[in-house]
C-alpha atoms as a PDB file:
ATOM      1  CA  MET A   1       0.000   0.000   0.000  1.00  0.00           C
ATOM      2  CA  SER A   2       2.850   2.436   0.737  1.00  0.00           C
ATOM      3  CA  GLN A   3       4.073   2.064  -2.833  1.00  0.00           C
ATOM      4  CA  GLU A   4       0.592   2.891  -4.114  1.00  0.00           C
ATOM      5  CA  LEU A   5       0.585   6.006  -1.947  1.00  0.00           C
ATOM      6  CA  TYR A   6       3.979   6.953  -3.348  1.00  0.00           C
ATOM      7  CA  ASP A   7       2.804   6.464  -6.927  1.00  0.00           C
ATOM      8  CA  LEU A   8      -0.113   8.807  -6.271  1.00  0.00           C
ATOM      9  CA  ALA A   9       2.160  11.361  -4.580  1.00  0.00           C
ATOM     10  CA  ARG A  10       4.489  11.328  -7.563  1.00  0.00           C
ATOM     11  CA  ALA A  11       1.755  11.585 -10.185  1.00  0.00           C
ATOM     12  CA  VAL A  12       0.096  14.482  -8.383  1.00  0.00           C
ATOM     13  CA  GLY A  13       3.435  16.133  -7.590  1.00  0.00           C
ATOM     14  CA  LEU A  14       4.517  16.126 -11.219  1.00  0.00           C
ATOM     15  CA  GLU A  15       1.186  17.550 -12.359  1.00  0.00           C
ATOM     16  CA  ALA A  16       1.395  20.239  -9.684  1.00  0.00           C
ATOM     17  CA  ALA A  17       4.972  21.127 -10.674  1.00  0.00           C
ATOM     18  CA  GLU A  18       3.929  21.529 -14.297  1.00  0.00           C
ATOM     19  CA  PHE A  19       1.008  23.701 -13.201  1.00  0.00           C
ATOM     20  CA  VAL A  20       3.336  26.004 -11.250  1.00  0.00           C
ATOM     21  CA  ARG A  21       5.863  26.177 -14.121  1.00  0.00           C
ATOM     22  CA  SER A  22       3.198  27.068 -16.657  1.00  0.00           C
ATOM     23  CA  SER A  23       1.503  29.571 -14.327  1.00  0.00           C
ATOM     24  CA  ARG A  24       4.578  31.533 -13.301  1.00  0.00           C
ATOM     25  CA  PRO A  25       4.858  34.878 -15.105  1.00  0.00           C
ATOM     26  CA  GLU A  26       8.109  36.496 -16.178  1.00  0.00           C
ATOM     27  CA  GLY A  27       9.929  38.527 -13.545  1.00  0.00           C
ATOM     28  CA  ARG A  28       8.889  38.632  -9.915  1.00  0.00           C
ATOM     29  CA  VAL A  29       5.633  37.045  -8.800  1.00  0.00           C
ATOM     30  CA  ASP A  30       3.065  39.168  -6.974  1.00  0.00           C
ATOM     31  CA  VAL A  31       2.655  38.398  -3.264  1.00  0.00           C
ATOM     32  CA  ALA A  32      -0.946  37.711  -2.261  1.00  0.00           C
ATOM     33  CA  ALA A  33      -0.510  37.680   1.530  1.00  0.00           C
ATOM     34  CA  THR A  34       1.932  37.199   4.393  1.00  0.00           C
ATOM     35  CA  LYS A  35       1.839  34.805   7.344  1.00  0.00           C
ATOM     36  CA  SER A  36       4.144  34.886  10.373  1.00  0.00           C
ATOM     37  CA  SER A  37       5.904  38.091   9.276  1.00  0.00           C
ATOM     38  CA  ASP A  38       6.103  40.526   6.359  1.00  0.00           C
ATOM     39  CA  THR A  39       8.733  38.316   4.710  1.00  0.00           C
ATOM     40  CA  ASP A  40       6.770  35.035   5.082  1.00  0.00           C
ATOM     41  CA  VAL A  41       4.913  35.308   1.800  1.00  0.00           C
ATOM     42  CA  VAL A  42       2.135  33.495  -0.063  1.00  0.00           C
ATOM     43  CA  THR A  43       1.187  33.792  -3.731  1.00  0.00           C
ATOM     44  CA  GLU A  44      -2.062  33.000  -5.505  1.00  0.00           C
ATOM     45  CA  ILE A  45      -0.177  30.261  -7.361  1.00  0.00           C
ATOM     46  CA  ASP A  46       0.646  28.590  -4.002  1.00  0.00           C
ATOM     47  CA  ARG A  47      -3.029  28.521  -3.188  1.00  0.00           C
ATOM     48  CA  ALA A  48      -4.110  27.289  -6.603  1.00  0.00           C
ATOM     49  CA  CYS A  49      -1.440  24.579  -6.564  1.00  0.00           C
ATOM     50  CA  GLU A  50      -2.607  23.307  -3.196  1.00  0.00           C
ATOM     51  CA  ARG A  51      -6.214  23.212  -4.422  1.00  0.00           C
ATOM     52  CA  LEU A  52      -5.118  21.154  -7.418  1.00  0.00           C
ATOM     53  CA  ILE A  53      -3.201  18.699  -5.209  1.00  0.00           C
ATOM     54  CA  ARG A  54      -6.100  18.353  -2.802  1.00  0.00           C
ATOM     55  CA  GLU A  55      -8.599  17.756  -5.605  1.00  0.00           C
ATOM     56  CA  ARG A  56      -6.428  15.084  -7.234  1.00  0.00           C
ATOM     57  CA  ILE A  57      -5.789  13.249  -3.969  1.00  0.00           C
ATOM     58  CA  PHE A  58      -9.421  13.275  -2.867  1.00  0.00           C
ATOM     59  CA  SER A  59     -10.516  12.167  -6.308  1.00  0.00           C
ATOM     60  CA  ALA A  60      -8.354   9.059  -5.871  1.00  0.00           C
ATOM     61  CA  ARG A  61      -8.766   8.624  -2.090  1.00  0.00           C
ATOM     62  CA  PRO A  62     -11.856  10.444  -0.779  1.00  0.00           C
ATOM     63  CA  ASP A  63     -11.628   9.079   2.779  1.00  0.00           C
ATOM     64  CA  ASP A  64      -8.092  10.330   3.508  1.00  0.00           C
ATOM     65  CA  GLY A  65      -7.091  13.363   5.556  1.00  0.00           C
ATOM     66  CA  PHE A  66      -5.134  16.381   4.362  1.00  0.00           C
ATOM     67  CA  ALA A  67      -2.773  18.893   5.976  1.00  0.00           C
ATOM     68  CA  GLY A  68      -1.531  21.620   3.636  1.00  0.00           C
ATOM     69  CA  GLU A  69       0.381  24.840   4.175  1.00  0.00           C
ATOM     70  CA  GLU A  70      -2.196  27.095   2.548  1.00  0.00           C
ATOM     71  CA  GLY A  71      -5.530  25.573   3.606  1.00  0.00           C
ATOM     72  CA  ASP A  72      -7.510  24.132   6.492  1.00  0.00           C
ATOM     73  CA  ASP A  73      -6.732  20.628   7.697  1.00  0.00           C
ATOM     74  CA  ILE A  74      -9.201  17.877   6.802  1.00  0.00           C
ATOM     75  CA  VAL A  75      -9.594  14.873   9.093  1.00  0.00           C
ATOM     76  CA  GLY A  76     -10.109  11.612   7.218  1.00  0.00           C
ATOM     77  CA  THR A  77     -11.411   8.201   8.229  1.00  0.00           C
ATOM     78  CA  SER A  78      -8.977   5.888   6.383  1.00  0.00           C
ATOM     79  CA  GLY A  79      -5.954   6.240   8.689  1.00  0.00           C
ATOM     80  CA  VAL A  80      -4.014   7.891   5.841  1.00  0.00           C
ATOM     81  CA  ASP A  81      -3.433  11.606   5.590  1.00  0.00           C
ATOM     82  CA  TRP A  82      -1.413  13.773   3.230  1.00  0.00           C
ATOM     83  CA  VAL A  83       1.076  16.445   4.258  1.00  0.00           C
ATOM     84  CA  VAL A  84       1.617  18.923   1.440  1.00  0.00           C
ATOM     85  CA  ASP A  85       3.701  21.989   0.706  1.00  0.00           C
ATOM     86  CA  PRO A  86       2.567  23.223  -2.721  1.00  0.00           C
ATOM     87  CA  ILE A  87       5.649  25.439  -3.157  1.00  0.00           C
ATOM     88  CA  ASP A  88       8.418  24.881  -0.626  1.00  0.00           C
ATOM     89  CA  GLY A  89      10.660  27.884  -1.159  1.00  0.00           C
ATOM     90  CA  THR A  90       8.035  30.495  -2.009  1.00  0.00           C
ATOM     91  CA  VAL A  91      10.491  33.380  -1.573  1.00  0.00           C
ATOM     92  CA  ASN A  92      12.740  31.767  -4.198  1.00  0.00           C
ATOM     93  CA  PHE A  93       9.698  31.305  -6.420  1.00  0.00           C
ATOM     94  CA  VAL A  94       8.722  34.957  -6.063  1.00  0.00           C
ATOM     95  CA  HIS A  95      12.230  36.161  -6.950  1.00  0.00           C
ATOM     96  CA  GLY A  96      12.858  33.645  -9.727  1.00  0.00           C
ATOM     97  CA  ILE A  97      15.607  31.727  -7.906  1.00  0.00           C
ATOM     98  CA  PRO A  98      15.447  28.161  -9.300  1.00  0.00           C
ATOM     99  CA  ALA A  99      15.122  26.244  -6.017  1.00  0.00           C
ATOM    100  CA  TYR A 100      11.486  25.652  -5.078  1.00  0.00           C
ATOM    101  CA  ALA A 101       9.638  22.371  -4.829  1.00  0.00           C
ATOM    102  CA  VAL A 102       6.357  20.530  -4.582  1.00  0.00           C
ATOM    103  CA  SER A 103       6.591  18.321  -1.492  1.00  0.00           C
ATOM    104  CA  ILE A 104       3.974  15.613  -0.884  1.00  0.00           C
ATOM    105  CA  ALA A 105       4.104  13.043   1.921  1.00  0.00           C
ATOM    106  CA  ALA A 106       1.625  10.363   2.947  1.00  0.00           C
ATOM    107  CA  ARG A 107       1.235   9.341   6.581  1.00  0.00           C
ATOM    108  CA  ARG A 108      -0.380   6.198   7.903  1.00  0.00           C
ATOM    109  CA  ASP A 109      -1.555   6.439  11.511  1.00  0.00           C
ATOM    110  CA  GLY A 110       0.703   9.449  12.008  1.00  0.00           C
ATOM    111  CA  THR A 111       3.871   7.934  10.514  1.00  0.00           C
ATOM    112  CA  VAL A 112       5.226   9.195   7.192  1.00  0.00           C
ATOM    113  CA  VAL A 113       5.378   6.197   4.861  1.00  0.00           C
ATOM    114  CA  ALA A 114       5.890   7.786   1.428  1.00  0.00           C
ATOM    115  CA  GLY A 115       7.313  11.056   0.184  1.00  0.00           C
ATOM    116  CA  HIS A 116       8.011  12.755  -3.130  1.00  0.00           C
ATOM    117  CA  VAL A 117       9.881  16.018  -3.739  1.00  0.00           C
ATOM    118  CA  VAL A 118      10.243  17.638  -7.157  1.00  0.00           C
ATOM    119  CA  ASN A 119      12.247  20.790  -7.847  1.00  0.00           C
ATOM    120  CA  ILE A 120       9.760  22.709  -9.958  1.00  0.00           C
ATOM    121  CA  ALA A 121      12.412  24.764 -11.734  1.00  0.00           C
ATOM    122  CA  SER A 122      14.757  21.902 -12.678  1.00  0.00           C
ATOM    123  CA  GLY A 123      12.448  18.877 -12.689  1.00  0.00           C
ATOM    124  CA  GLU A 124      14.777  16.909 -10.391  1.00  0.00           C
ATOM    125  CA  GLU A 125      12.815  14.355  -8.359  1.00  0.00           C
ATOM    126  CA  HIS A 126      13.501  12.441  -5.151  1.00  0.00           C
ATOM    127  CA  GLY A 127      11.329   9.880  -3.461  1.00  0.00           C
ATOM    128  CA  ALA A 128      11.206   7.369  -0.650  1.00  0.00           C
ATOM    129  CA  VAL A 129       8.999   4.675   0.835  1.00  0.00           C
ATOM    130  CA  ARG A 130       9.483   3.731   4.471  1.00  0.00           C
ATOM    131  CA  GLY A 131      11.566   0.566   4.706  1.00  0.00           C
ATOM    132  CA  GLU A 132      12.265   0.480   0.964  1.00  0.00           C
ATOM    133  CA  GLY A 133      14.962   3.122   0.552  1.00  0.00           C
ATOM    134  CA  ALA A 134      15.313   6.468  -1.177  1.00  0.00           C
ATOM    135  CA  TRP A 135      15.935   7.245  -4.813  1.00  0.00           C
ATOM    136  CA  ARG A 136      16.327   9.863  -7.498  1.00  0.00           C
ATOM    137  CA  HIS A 137      14.253   9.598 -10.637  1.00  0.00           C
ATOM    138  CA  ASP A 138      15.938   9.661 -14.034  1.00  0.00           C
ATOM    139  CA  GLY A 139      12.797   9.624 -16.121  1.00  0.00           C
ATOM    140  CA  ASP A 140      10.966   6.481 -15.091  1.00  0.00           C
ATOM    141  CA  GLU A 141      14.159   4.832 -13.835  1.00  0.00           C
ATOM    142  CA  ARG A 142      14.933   4.950 -10.144  1.00  0.00           C
ATOM    143  CA  ARG A 143      18.511   5.347  -8.979  1.00  0.00           C
ATOM    144  CA  ALA A 144      19.049   4.442  -5.334  1.00  0.00           C
ATOM    145  CA  VAL A 145      20.313   7.236  -3.099  1.00  0.00           C
ATOM    146  CA  VAL A 146      22.617   6.152  -0.266  1.00  0.00           C
ATOM    147  CA  ALA A 147      24.031   9.016   1.763  1.00  0.00           C
ATOM    148  CA  PRO A 148      27.836   9.149   2.112  1.00  0.00           C
ATOM    149  CA  GLN A 149      29.381   9.608   5.551  1.00  0.00           C
ATOM    150  CA  GLY A 150      30.285  13.245   5.104  1.00  0.00           C
ATOM    151  CA  ALA A 151      33.065  15.269   6.707  1.00  0.00           C
ATOM    152  CA  ALA A 152      33.416  16.126  10.370  1.00  0.00           C
ATOM    153  CA  PRO A 153      32.331  19.646  11.389  1.00  0.00           C
ATOM    154  CA  ALA A 154      35.712  21.344  10.957  1.00  0.00           C
ATOM    155  CA  ARG A 155      35.632  20.413   7.256  1.00  0.00           C
ATOM    156  CA  GLY A 156      31.884  20.284   6.861  1.00  0.00           C
ATOM    157  CA  LEU A 157      29.551  22.192   4.558  1.00  0.00           C
ATOM    158  CA  VAL A 158      26.287  22.696   6.424  1.00  0.00           C
ATOM    159  CA  ALA A 159      22.900  23.623   4.977  1.00  0.00           C
ATOM    160  CA  THR A 160      20.630  25.777   7.110  1.00  0.00           C
ATOM    161  CA  GLY A 161      17.845  28.337   7.062  1.00  0.00           C
ATOM    162  CA  PHE A 162      16.515  31.163   9.187  1.00  0.00           C
ATOM    163  CA  HIS A 163      13.224  31.969  10.860  1.00  0.00           C
ATOM    164  CA  TYR A 164      10.845  34.587   9.473  1.00  0.00           C
ATOM    165  CA  ILE A 165      10.187  36.279  12.829  1.00  0.00           C
ATOM    166  CA  PRO A 166      12.765  39.078  13.372  1.00  0.00           C
ATOM    167  CA  GLU A 167      13.246  38.458  17.100  1.00  0.00           C
ATOM    168  CA  ILE A 168      14.050  34.797  16.501  1.00  0.00           C
ATOM    169  CA  ARG A 169      16.336  35.684  13.592  1.00  0.00           C
ATOM    170  CA  ALA A 170      18.325  37.943  15.909  1.00  0.00           C
ATOM    171  CA  LYS A 171      18.890  35.036  18.318  1.00  0.00           C
ATOM    172  CA  GLN A 172      19.839  32.787  15.405  1.00  0.00           C
ATOM    173  CA  ALA A 173      22.374  35.353  14.210  1.00  0.00           C
ATOM    174  CA  ALA A 174      24.066  35.318  17.610  1.00  0.00           C
ATOM    175  CA  ALA A 175      24.140  31.506  17.632  1.00  0.00           C
ATOM    176  CA  MET A 176      25.471  31.461  14.066  1.00  0.00           C
ATOM    177  CA  ALA A 177      28.358  33.722  15.101  1.00  0.00           C
ATOM    178  CA  SER A 178      29.444  30.896  17.408  1.00  0.00           C
ATOM    179  CA  PHE A 179      28.659  28.114  14.945  1.00  0.00           C
ATOM    180  CA  LEU A 180      30.251  29.467  11.775  1.00  0.00           C
ATOM    181  CA  PRO A 181      33.936  29.425  12.871  1.00  0.00           C
ATOM    182  CA  GLN A 182      33.588  25.746  13.806  1.00  0.00           C
ATOM    183  CA  VAL A 183      32.571  24.491  10.334  1.00  0.00           C
ATOM    184  CA  ALA A 184      33.979  24.929   6.836  1.00  0.00           C
ATOM    185  CA  ASP A 185      31.010  26.948   5.573  1.00  0.00           C
ATOM    186  CA  VAL A 186      27.227  27.151   5.428  1.00  0.00           C
ATOM    187  CA  ARG A 187      24.661  27.378   2.638  1.00  0.00           C
ATOM    188  CA  ARG A 188      21.183  28.853   2.814  1.00  0.00           C
ATOM    189  CA  ILE A 189      19.213  27.714  -0.265  1.00  0.00           C
ATOM    190  CA  GLY A 190      15.686  28.451   0.944  1.00  0.00           C
ATOM    191  CA  SER A 191      13.865  25.112   0.660  1.00  0.00           C
ATOM    192  CA  ALA A 192      13.998  22.567   3.466  1.00  0.00           C
ATOM    193  CA  ALA A 193      12.692  19.792   1.225  1.00  0.00           C
ATOM    194  CA  LEU A 194      15.432  20.367  -1.344  1.00  0.00           C
ATOM    195  CA  ASP A 195      18.094  20.740   1.376  1.00  0.00           C
ATOM    196  CA  LEU A 196      17.224  17.347   2.858  1.00  0.00           C
ATOM    197  CA  CYS A 197      17.314  15.671  -0.558  1.00  0.00           C
ATOM    198  CA  ALA A 198      20.652  17.350  -1.334  1.00  0.00           C
ATOM    199  CA  LEU A 199      22.036  16.115   1.981  1.00  0.00           C
ATOM    200  CA  ALA A 200      20.968  12.586   1.054  1.00  0.00           C
ATOM    201  CA  GLU A 201      22.882  12.987  -2.217  1.00  0.00           C
ATOM    202  CA  GLY A 202      26.029  14.070  -0.338  1.00  0.00           C
ATOM    203  CA  HIS A 203      26.044  17.702  -1.468  1.00  0.00           C
ATOM    204  CA  TYR A 204      26.188  18.775   2.202  1.00  0.00           C
ATOM    205  CA  ASP A 205      27.658  17.198   5.318  1.00  0.00           C
ATOM    206  CA  ALA A 206      24.844  18.200   7.684  1.00  0.00           C
ATOM    207  CA  TYR A 207      21.660  20.247   7.873  1.00  0.00           C
ATOM    208  CA  PHE A 208      19.752  22.081  10.570  1.00  0.00           C
ATOM    209  CA  GLU A 209      16.911  24.586  10.629  1.00  0.00           C
ATOM    210  CA  GLN A 210      14.449  26.112  13.086  1.00  0.00           C
ATOM    211  CA  GLY A 211      10.872  27.159  12.487  1.00  0.00           C
ATOM    212  CA  LEU A 212       9.863  24.403  10.089  1.00  0.00           C
ATOM    213  CA  HIS A 213       6.351  23.007   9.941  1.00  0.00           C
ATOM    214  CA  LEU A 214       5.624  19.358   9.180  1.00  0.00           C
ATOM    215  CA  TRP A 215       4.787  20.082   5.544  1.00  0.00           C
ATOM    216  CA  ASP A 216       8.225  21.687   5.073  1.00  0.00           C
ATOM    217  CA  HIS A 217      10.145  18.541   5.947  1.00  0.00           C
ATOM    218  CA  ALA A 218       7.831  15.483   5.935  1.00  0.00           C
ATOM    219  CA  ALA A 219       8.751  14.186   2.470  1.00  0.00           C
ATOM    220  CA  GLY A 220      12.371  15.390   2.512  1.00  0.00           C
ATOM    221  CA  ALA A 221      13.011  13.926   5.947  1.00  0.00           C
ATOM    222  CA  LEU A 222      11.798  10.521   4.748  1.00  0.00           C
ATOM    223  CA  VAL A 223      14.188  10.738   1.773  1.00  0.00           C
ATOM    224  CA  ALA A 224      17.004  11.596   4.202  1.00  0.00           C
ATOM    225  CA  THR A 225      16.113   8.805   6.630  1.00  0.00           C
ATOM    226  CA  GLU A 226      15.740   6.168   3.938  1.00  0.00           C
ATOM    227  CA  SER A 227      19.099   7.201   2.444  1.00  0.00           C
ATOM    228  CA  GLY A 228      20.716   6.294   5.772  1.00  0.00           C
ATOM    229  CA  LEU A 229      20.800   9.650   7.560  1.00  0.00           C
ATOM    230  CA  VAL A 230      19.670  10.504  11.070  1.00  0.00           C
ATOM    231  CA  VAL A 231      16.918  13.120  11.380  1.00  0.00           C
ATOM    232  CA  SER A 232      16.401  14.603  14.834  1.00  0.00           C
ATOM    233  CA  GLY A 233      15.217  17.512  16.919  1.00  0.00           C
ATOM    234  CA  LEU A 234      16.985  19.059  19.877  1.00  0.00           C
ATOM    235  CA  ASP A 235      15.423  16.696  22.429  1.00  0.00           C
ATOM    236  CA  GLY A 236      13.669  13.992  20.450  1.00  0.00           C
ATOM    237  CA  GLY A 237      12.082  13.901  17.035  1.00  0.00           C
ATOM    238  CA  PRO A 238      12.174  16.781  14.547  1.00  0.00           C
ATOM    239  CA  ASP A 239       9.748  19.582  15.325  1.00  0.00           C
ATOM    240  CA  GLU A 240       9.220  23.310  14.848  1.00  0.00           C
ATOM    241  CA  ARG A 241      11.922  24.027  17.422  1.00  0.00           C
ATOM    242  CA  MET A 242      14.580  22.222  15.360  1.00  0.00           C
ATOM    243  CA  VAL A 243      15.153  19.802  12.491  1.00  0.00           C
ATOM    244  CA  MET A 244      18.712  18.495  12.070  1.00  0.00           C
ATOM    245  CA  SER A 245      20.176  15.723   9.959  1.00  0.00           C
ATOM    246  CA  ALA A 246      23.536  14.089   9.296  1.00  0.00           C
ATOM    247  CA  HIS A 247      25.127  10.696   8.703  1.00  0.00           C
ATOM    248  CA  PRO A 248      25.154   8.483  11.822  1.00  0.00           C
ATOM    249  CA  ALA A 249      28.968   8.501  11.869  1.00  0.00           C
ATOM    250  CA  VAL A 250      29.095  12.287  12.388  1.00  0.00           C
ATOM    251  CA  ALA A 251      25.576  13.126  13.582  1.00  0.00           C
ATOM    252  CA  GLU A 252      26.349  13.525  17.262  1.00  0.00           C
ATOM    253  CA  GLU A 253      29.235  15.888  16.498  1.00  0.00           C
ATOM    254  CA  TYR A 254      26.985  18.137  14.438  1.00  0.00           C
ATOM    255  CA  PHE A 255      23.980  17.853  16.728  1.00  0.00           C
ATOM    256  CA  GLY A 256      26.106  18.590  19.781  1.00  0.00           C
ATOM    257  CA  LEU A 257      27.596  21.616  18.054  1.00  0.00           C
ATOM    258  CA  VAL A 258      24.150  22.985  17.177  1.00  0.00           C
ATOM    259  CA  ARG A 259      23.020  22.557  20.781  1.00  0.00           C
ATOM    260  CA  SER A 260      26.167  24.119  22.239  1.00  0.00           C
ATOM    261  CA  CYS A 261      25.852  27.239  20.094  1.00  0.00           C
ATOM    262  CA  GLY A 262      22.429  28.045  21.500  1.00  0.00           C
ATOM    263  CA  PHE A 263      20.112  27.589  18.556  1.00  0.00           C
END
């Protein structure tokens, strides 16, 4: 059944990505609204994309639940619900930076069992099914993704992101001043889903970010986990307070460093 859920996630994700590509105008995209702060933006295309995803999923599985970034949650009766970010990386989308994704995950009884992430701008796809590994799609061919060990912090390239609320950003800046001299460098791409998939591919050595909601990381975190990485929070599982990920061989070094710097 998890594979069937994945197949639906992929089919809907690819249709949604094509919808966003074909709907995006030239230049910057108009902002329709803001959420947690003036820089936490939403576009009408976000909203339309989520409606499309919801309609396609409920057409195939009318008894499921749905949790999306732009709409109200729907409680289902099947034990399966869908966690959706129609455009993860909306700021990139608005500015025309080619790193924004459709992220669709399926949960069964609260556990993510399938996830699909597609970079809308490039078409690159990653997927995972719990217990069956992670992969990158080359057309209809799957290529297994197994995360490499990665470098220790002193030589590590670390992906991260920053909160939208100014007061929290100020605290993060102070923590980053302590963190940055202890690693090789950091990257801030602007899409948690794409960061987690890139970590699984070995482009980074570790990742951490505060302020994420479940839809930001549900599919990407499954890709990371199924590739062999550890995904954690500060004191337990990943949550809005913190999501961090690294290879098991170096995870405690990175996680300890994040904690010690005061994030």
